[in-house]
Amino acid sequence: MNPLLHHVDLITRHRSRGPVEVGVVTAVNEALGAIRTELYKVFMPPGDVLIGLSAEIEAGSSTAVTYDDGFSWPHGIGSIEKLPHLQACFGSDKPAIECLPNGDSRLILLLRNEQHEPYAFLVVVRSIPLAIADIDIVRGFAALLKNCLSLLDYSETDTLTRLLNRKTFDEYLIKILANIPRQEDVGSGALHLPQRRHAHPQACDHWLGVMDIDKFKTINDRFGHLIGDEVLILMANLMRESFRVQDKLFRFGGEEFVALLRPAEFAHAKGTFERFRTRVENFEFPQVGRVTVSAGFTRITIGDTPSIILDSADEALYYAKGHGRNQCHAYETLVAEGKLQPLQLQISELELF
């Protein structure tokens, strides 16, 4: 098989973002005989542009190394101002080619997603000048990456709100549970993910929150389903504005939403969910007016199963619903205060994954 087609075959076999990106970086480096090829991810929180190294490969390596687990920040995350060679290319869709002081040639290409938003930079360094045919190869693999990610977006997102869907949630949660290091792993170079809070009071944990629009059935009955759908879309937009770039936001169906927070201390997690609740409370929904949400959240810890985590957050949500709505409660706090009985994991609930 032609080497380029072989790489296309390998790339399109994957059904998750990391391996697709690694495949593209590996293919470009091999096809161009490059010294090094890098993929930098672009994040744009309000008022800033952040850049982090997501994948890289050196000449002689068989496959690229990835630094992006989907939750943590990529390697060396920081303002784009710290990488002036990338900052100079930001906003331009034309590949930039420059000669480095040591005589190597460097190509920088800004990649955009389906919404035409900056997504990443592809950087290729080669010892000999890049010809037009070489640039075409890079652009071809960049287009392939965009198409693959677009297909993944379609399969992973809710059609109405463009938030992530339930199937994708299951995959993310299982990945988190599989990668939380145990106490004995912490000092032995384990993957840097959070420990259990009770083992280290200042540790940062992942958190799961369930949010539900209060009296949403009344909105549908009174204003119709088209207006109800508009409320759901606006609610999704408020979620994007309230949570951090790396937090994962999902629509479970109907008026229920879920957020998986990247590692944070309890106070920050509580503040994040409260920020969203307050933003919704203060937002004027067209035709509907005032809408509120109730929320319950819980810590993700070693030994939990997906069902026990969801049930814990649901218990805190039901408490909020039953005590006046438009509230946010932590499951652990409610248990500590004696307002909820702790859920017990039954042997029949053990999940294999």
Protein backbone atom coordinates (compact mmCIF):
# COMPACT_ATOMS: atom_id res chain seq x y z
CA MET A 1 0.00 0.00 0.00
CA ASN A 2 1.14 3.55 -0.73
CA PRO A 3 2.69 5.01 2.48
CA LEU A 4 0.38 8.03 2.48
CA LEU A 5 -2.70 5.85 2.01
CA HIS A 6 -1.42 3.57 4.75
CA HIS A 7 -1.38 6.50 7.16
CA VAL A 8 -4.85 7.59 6.04
CA ASP A 9 -6.07 4.07 6.76
CA LEU A 10 -4.51 4.10 10.25
CA ILE A 11 -5.88 7.57 11.10
CA THR A 12 -9.45 6.87 10.01
CA ARG A 13 -9.62 3.64 12.05
CA HIS A 14 -9.65 5.58 15.32
CA ARG A 15 -12.80 6.69 17.14
CA SER A 16 -11.30 9.13 19.63
CA ARG A 17 -9.50 12.44 19.26
CA GLY A 18 -6.12 11.68 20.79
CA PRO A 19 -5.20 8.75 18.51
CA VAL A 20 -6.43 10.67 15.43
CA GLU A 21 -4.21 13.64 16.30
CA VAL A 22 -1.25 11.38 17.02
CA GLY A 23 -1.78 9.61 13.69
CA VAL A 24 -1.77 12.89 11.76
CA VAL A 25 1.37 14.18 13.47
CA THR A 26 3.14 10.87 12.83
CA ALA A 27 2.06 10.79 9.17
CA VAL A 28 3.19 14.36 8.46
CA ASN A 29 6.60 13.81 10.06
CA GLU A 30 7.22 10.62 8.08
CA ALA A 31 5.89 11.94 4.77
CA LEU A 32 8.09 15.03 4.88
CA GLY A 33 11.15 13.39 6.42
CA ALA A 34 10.95 16.07 9.11
CA ILE A 35 13.22 16.60 12.07
CA ARG A 36 10.24 17.29 14.29
CA THR A 37 6.48 17.77 14.02
CA GLU A 38 4.32 19.29 16.78
CA LEU A 39 0.63 19.88 17.41
CA TYR A 40 -0.25 22.76 19.73
CA LYS A 41 -3.83 23.05 21.00
CA VAL A 42 -5.52 26.46 21.12
CA PHE A 43 -7.89 27.46 23.94
CA MET A 44 -9.70 30.77 24.07
CA PRO A 45 -11.13 31.58 27.51
CA PRO A 46 -12.60 35.10 27.74
CA GLY A 47 -9.93 37.69 27.05
CA ASP A 48 -7.05 35.31 26.41
CA VAL A 49 -5.52 32.83 23.97
CA LEU A 50 -3.79 29.82 25.54
CA ILE A 51 -1.43 27.40 23.79
CA GLY A 52 -0.27 23.97 24.94
CA LEU A 53 1.76 21.19 23.30
CA SER A 54 -0.62 18.31 22.60
CA ALA A 55 1.55 15.90 20.56
CA GLU A 56 5.05 15.74 19.11
CA ILE A 57 7.37 13.39 17.27
CA GLU A 58 11.11 13.46 16.55
CA ALA A 59 12.83 11.95 13.54
CA GLY A 60 13.44 8.24 14.05
CA SER A 61 10.42 7.70 16.30
CA SER A 62 7.70 5.35 15.09
CA THR A 63 4.78 7.29 16.55
CA ALA A 64 4.07 10.64 18.16
CA VAL A 65 3.83 11.18 21.91
CA THR A 66 0.65 12.75 23.28
CA TYR A 67 0.38 15.04 26.30
CA ASP A 68 -3.38 15.57 26.16
CA ASP A 69 -5.69 13.28 28.18
CA GLY A 70 -8.81 15.29 27.37
CA PHE A 71 -9.11 16.77 30.88
CA SER A 72 -5.76 18.09 32.03
CA TRP A 73 -4.12 20.99 30.24
CA PRO A 74 -1.66 20.04 27.47
CA HIS A 75 2.07 20.33 28.20
CA GLY A 76 3.40 23.81 28.93
CA ILE A 77 0.03 25.55 28.69
CA GLY A 78 0.38 29.32 28.68
CA SER A 79 -0.41 32.53 26.88
CA ILE A 80 0.27 32.61 23.16
CA GLU A 81 2.52 35.60 23.86
CA LYS A 82 5.13 33.14 25.18
CA LEU A 83 5.36 31.61 21.68
CA PRO A 84 5.84 34.60 19.36
CA HIS A 85 6.35 32.42 16.27
CA LEU A 86 2.80 31.06 16.77
CA GLN A 87 1.34 34.40 17.80
CA ALA A 88 2.55 35.92 14.54
CA CYS A 89 0.51 33.33 12.61
CA PHE A 90 -2.64 33.57 14.70
CA GLY A 91 -5.59 34.62 12.57
CA SER A 92 -3.97 33.72 9.25
CA ASP A 93 -5.08 30.70 7.24
CA LYS A 94 -1.97 30.75 5.07
CA PRO A 95 0.96 28.49 6.02
CA ALA A 96 3.97 30.43 7.31
CA ILE A 97 7.42 29.24 6.26
CA GLU A 98 10.59 30.60 7.84
CA CYS A 99 14.28 29.80 7.86
CA LEU A 100 15.64 29.18 11.35
CA PRO A 101 19.11 30.46 12.46
CA ASN A 102 20.61 26.96 12.11
CA GLY A 103 19.39 26.68 8.51
CA ASP A 104 16.38 24.43 9.17
CA SER A 105 13.04 25.27 7.59
CA ARG A 106 9.91 25.64 9.74
CA LEU A 107 6.29 25.51 8.58
CA ILE A 108 3.43 26.73 10.78
CA LEU A 109 -0.20 26.10 9.86
CA LEU A 110 -3.20 27.29 11.89
CA LEU A 111 -5.99 24.70 11.97
CA ARG A 112 -9.68 25.62 12.32
CA ASN A 113 -12.68 23.53 13.29
CA GLU A 114 -16.06 23.28 11.57
CA GLN A 115 -17.16 26.56 13.19
CA HIS A 116 -14.05 28.22 11.71
CA GLU A 117 -12.62 28.73 15.20
CA PRO A 118 -8.85 28.30 15.77
CA TYR A 119 -8.30 24.79 17.07
CA ALA A 120 -4.57 24.02 16.84
CA PHE A 121 -1.22 24.80 15.24
CA LEU A 122 0.66 22.20 13.21
CA VAL A 123 4.40 22.92 13.25
CA VAL A 124 6.91 21.06 11.03
CA VAL A 125 10.68 21.49 11.15
CA ARG A 126 12.84 20.08 8.34
CA SER A 127 16.53 20.34 7.47
CA ILE A 128 15.87 21.16 3.81
CA PRO A 129 13.50 23.77 2.35
CA LEU A 130 9.84 22.85 1.97
CA ALA A 131 8.53 22.65 -1.58
CA ILE A 132 4.96 23.37 -2.69
CA ALA A 133 4.26 19.63 -2.84
CA ASP A 134 5.37 19.31 0.80
CA ILE A 135 3.02 22.10 1.86
CA ASP A 136 0.18 20.39 0.00
CA ILE A 137 0.81 17.19 1.97
CA VAL A 138 0.63 19.09 5.26
CA ARG A 139 -2.58 20.83 4.21
CA GLY A 140 -4.04 17.52 3.08
CA PHE A 141 -3.44 15.87 6.45
CA ALA A 142 -4.76 19.01 8.19
CA ALA A 143 -7.97 18.68 6.16
CA LEU A 144 -8.16 14.98 7.06
CA LEU A 145 -7.79 15.86 10.75
CA LYS A 146 -10.57 18.43 10.49
CA ASN A 147 -12.89 15.94 8.76
CA CYS A 148 -12.20 13.19 11.32
CA LEU A 149 -12.81 15.54 14.23
CA SER A 150 -16.00 16.79 12.58
CA LEU A 151 -17.31 13.22 12.40
CA LEU A 152 -16.38 12.68 16.04
CA ASP A 153 -18.18 15.90 16.96
CA TYR A 154 -21.31 14.67 15.22
CA SER A 155 -21.26 11.36 17.08
CA GLU A 156 -20.36 12.87 20.46
CA THR A 157 -22.66 15.88 20.69
CA ASP A 158 -26.32 16.54 21.35
CA THR A 159 -27.97 17.79 18.16
CA LEU A 160 -29.97 20.59 19.78
CA THR A 161 -27.55 22.12 22.29
CA ARG A 162 -24.19 21.03 20.81
CA LEU A 163 -23.13 19.88 24.28
CA LEU A 164 -21.60 16.42 24.66
CA ASN A 165 -24.05 13.50 24.77
CA ARG A 166 -24.68 10.67 27.24
CA LYS A 167 -22.59 8.11 25.36
CA THR A 168 -19.56 10.40 25.50
CA PHE A 169 -20.16 11.03 29.21
CA ASP A 170 -19.85 7.32 30.00
CA GLU A 171 -16.51 7.19 28.21
CA TYR A 172 -15.11 10.24 30.01
CA LEU A 173 -16.21 9.06 33.46
CA ILE A 174 -14.76 5.59 33.00
CA LYS A 175 -11.50 7.15 31.84
CA ILE A 176 -11.33 9.33 34.96
CA LEU A 177 -12.02 6.40 37.29
CA ALA A 178 -9.41 4.26 35.54
CA ASN A 179 -6.69 6.90 35.93
CA ILE A 180 -7.06 8.19 39.49
CA PRO A 181 -3.83 7.09 41.22
CA ARG A 182 -4.13 5.19 44.47
CA GLN A 183 -2.33 6.39 47.57
CA GLU A 184 0.54 3.95 47.04
CA ASP A 185 0.99 5.16 43.45
CA VAL A 186 1.42 8.85 44.23
CA GLY A 187 5.11 8.73 45.04
CA SER A 188 6.05 6.42 42.20
CA GLY A 189 5.63 8.62 39.14
CA ALA A 190 1.99 7.82 38.50
CA LEU A 191 -0.06 9.84 36.03
CA HIS A 192 -0.72 13.22 37.63
CA LEU A 193 -4.39 12.99 38.50
CA PRO A 194 -6.02 13.80 41.83
CA GLN A 195 -5.88 11.71 45.01
CA ARG A 196 -8.82 11.11 47.30
CA ARG A 197 -9.59 14.21 49.34
CA HIS A 198 -9.78 12.39 52.67
CA ALA A 199 -6.27 11.06 52.08
CA HIS A 200 -4.98 14.63 51.57
CA PRO A 201 -7.26 17.45 52.69
CA GLN A 202 -5.85 19.94 50.17
CA ALA A 203 -5.93 17.59 47.17
CA CYS A 204 -7.84 18.47 44.03
CA ASP A 205 -10.50 16.09 42.76
CA HIS A 206 -12.69 15.68 39.73
CA TRP A 207 -16.33 16.55 40.39
CA LEU A 208 -19.61 15.56 38.80
CA GLY A 209 -22.65 17.83 38.90
CA VAL A 210 -26.23 17.21 37.75
CA MET A 211 -28.33 20.28 36.89
CA ASP A 212 -32.03 20.36 36.14
CA ILE A 213 -34.21 23.22 34.90
CA ASP A 214 -36.89 23.97 37.46
CA LYS A 215 -40.51 23.50 36.30
CA PHE A 216 -39.47 22.94 32.69
CA LYS A 217 -42.70 21.06 31.91
CA THR A 218 -44.61 24.24 32.75
CA ILE A 219 -42.49 26.15 30.22
CA ASN A 220 -43.28 23.61 27.49
CA ASP A 221 -47.00 23.51 28.38
CA ARG A 222 -47.35 27.29 28.51
CA PHE A 223 -45.11 28.45 25.65
CA GLY A 224 -44.77 25.38 23.43
CA HIS A 225 -41.88 23.08 22.59
CA LEU A 226 -40.16 25.52 20.20
CA ILE A 227 -39.74 28.03 23.02
CA GLY A 228 -38.77 25.16 25.31
CA ASP A 229 -36.02 24.19 22.87
CA GLU A 230 -34.83 27.81 22.81
CA VAL A 231 -34.55 27.74 26.59
CA LEU A 232 -32.43 24.57 26.35
CA ILE A 233 -30.13 26.16 23.77
CA LEU A 234 -29.69 29.31 25.86
CA MET A 235 -29.10 27.17 28.94
CA ALA A 236 -26.28 25.37 27.10
CA ASN A 237 -24.76 28.73 26.15
CA LEU A 238 -24.85 29.87 29.78
CA MET A 239 -23.09 26.65 30.77
CA ARG A 240 -20.28 27.33 28.30
CA GLU A 241 -19.87 30.82 29.76
CA SER A 242 -19.91 29.63 33.38
CA PHE A 243 -17.59 26.61 33.33
CA ARG A 244 -13.89 26.41 32.53
CA VAL A 245 -12.48 25.52 29.13
CA GLN A 246 -11.42 22.00 30.14
CA ASP A 247 -14.63 21.11 32.02
CA LYS A 248 -16.86 18.70 30.07
CA LEU A 249 -20.51 19.65 29.62
CA PHE A 250 -23.27 17.22 28.67
CA ARG A 251 -26.97 17.13 27.97
CA PHE A 252 -28.51 13.94 29.26
CA GLY A 253 -31.84 14.51 27.57
CA GLY A 254 -34.90 16.57 28.42
CA GLU A 255 -34.01 19.38 30.82
CA GLU A 256 -31.15 17.55 32.58
CA PHE A 257 -27.52 18.61 32.18
CA VAL A 258 -24.30 17.19 33.62
CA ALA A 259 -20.84 18.70 34.12
CA LEU A 260 -17.58 16.86 34.74
CA LEU A 261 -15.12 19.26 36.32
CA ARG A 262 -11.40 18.91 35.90
CA PRO A 263 -9.45 18.75 39.19
CA ALA A 264 -10.45 21.49 41.63
CA GLU A 265 -10.70 22.02 45.37
CA PHE A 266 -14.16 21.82 46.93
CA ALA A 267 -14.56 25.59 47.24
CA HIS A 268 -13.77 26.09 43.56
CA ALA A 269 -16.15 23.33 42.49
CA LYS A 270 -18.92 24.75 44.66
CA GLY A 271 -18.23 28.22 43.28
CA THR A 272 -18.41 26.99 39.70
CA PHE A 273 -21.83 25.42 40.12
CA GLU A 274 -23.08 28.43 42.08
CA ARG A 275 -21.83 30.75 39.35
CA PHE A 276 -23.86 28.86 36.78
CA ARG A 277 -26.98 28.82 38.99
CA THR A 278 -26.72 32.57 39.61
CA ARG A 279 -26.10 33.36 35.95
CA VAL A 280 -29.25 31.46 34.98
CA GLU A 281 -31.28 33.18 37.72
CA ASN A 282 -30.22 36.61 36.47
CA PHE A 283 -30.67 35.89 32.75
CA GLU A 284 -33.75 37.17 30.95
CA PHE A 285 -35.03 34.38 28.71
CA PRO A 286 -36.94 35.77 25.69
CA GLN A 287 -40.73 35.33 26.05
CA VAL A 288 -40.27 33.15 29.13
CA GLY A 289 -38.62 35.58 31.53
CA ARG A 290 -37.15 34.13 34.71
CA VAL A 291 -35.89 30.53 34.71
CA THR A 292 -33.98 28.78 37.49
CA VAL A 293 -31.97 25.60 37.88
CA SER A 294 -31.29 23.24 40.76
CA ALA A 295 -27.97 21.42 41.05
CA GLY A 296 -26.35 18.61 43.00
CA PHE A 297 -22.70 17.63 42.80
CA THR A 298 -20.33 15.06 44.23
CA ARG A 299 -16.65 14.16 44.38
CA ILE A 300 -15.28 11.40 42.13
CA THR A 301 -13.15 9.00 44.19
CA ILE A 302 -11.37 5.68 43.95
CA GLY A 303 -13.65 2.68 44.37
CA ASP A 304 -16.76 4.44 43.10
CA THR A 305 -18.72 3.11 40.14
CA PRO A 306 -20.38 5.34 37.51
CA SER A 307 -23.80 4.52 38.94
CA ILE A 308 -22.90 5.38 42.56
CA ILE A 309 -21.39 8.70 41.42
CA LEU A 310 -24.49 9.64 39.43
CA ASP A 311 -26.79 8.49 42.21
CA SER A 312 -24.90 10.63 44.73
CA ALA A 313 -25.20 13.75 42.58
CA ASP A 314 -28.86 12.93 41.93
CA GLU A 315 -29.54 12.66 45.67
CA ALA A 316 -28.12 16.15 46.18
CA LEU A 317 -30.17 17.42 43.23
CA TYR A 318 -33.40 15.90 44.61
CA TYR A 319 -32.67 17.54 47.94
CA ALA A 320 -32.35 20.93 46.20
CA LYS A 321 -35.59 20.32 44.30
CA GLY A 322 -37.43 19.30 47.45
CA HIS A 323 -36.26 22.25 49.52
CA GLY A 324 -37.28 25.21 47.40
CA ARG A 325 -35.47 24.74 44.05
CA ASN A 326 -32.94 27.23 42.63
CA GLN A 327 -30.30 25.76 44.95
CA CYS A 328 -26.95 23.99 44.68
CA HIS A 329 -25.89 21.30 47.15
CA ALA A 330 -22.89 18.99 47.58
CA TYR A 331 -23.70 15.38 48.38
CA GLU A 332 -20.81 15.07 50.85
CA THR A 333 -21.92 18.17 52.75
CA LEU A 334 -25.51 16.95 53.01
CA VAL A 335 -24.32 13.59 54.35
CA ALA A 336 -21.97 15.25 56.86
CA GLU A 337 -24.84 17.43 58.10
CA GLY A 338 -27.13 14.41 58.47
CA LYS A 339 -29.55 15.64 55.80
CA LEU A 340 -28.91 12.62 53.59
CA GLN A 341 -28.04 9.02 54.40
CA PRO A 342 -24.84 7.83 52.66
CA LEU A 343 -25.43 5.58 49.68
CA GLN A 344 -24.06 2.07 50.04
CA LEU A 345 -22.52 0.21 47.14
CA GLN A 346 -24.29 -3.12 46.79
CA ILE A 347 -22.47 -6.19 45.47
CA SER A 348 -25.05 -6.45 42.69
CA GLU A 349 -24.14 -2.93 41.58
CA LEU A 350 -20.53 -3.76 40.81
CA GLU A 351 -19.74 -2.71 37.28
CA LEU A 352 -17.13 -4.23 35.06
CA PHE A 353 -15.48 -1.97 32.53
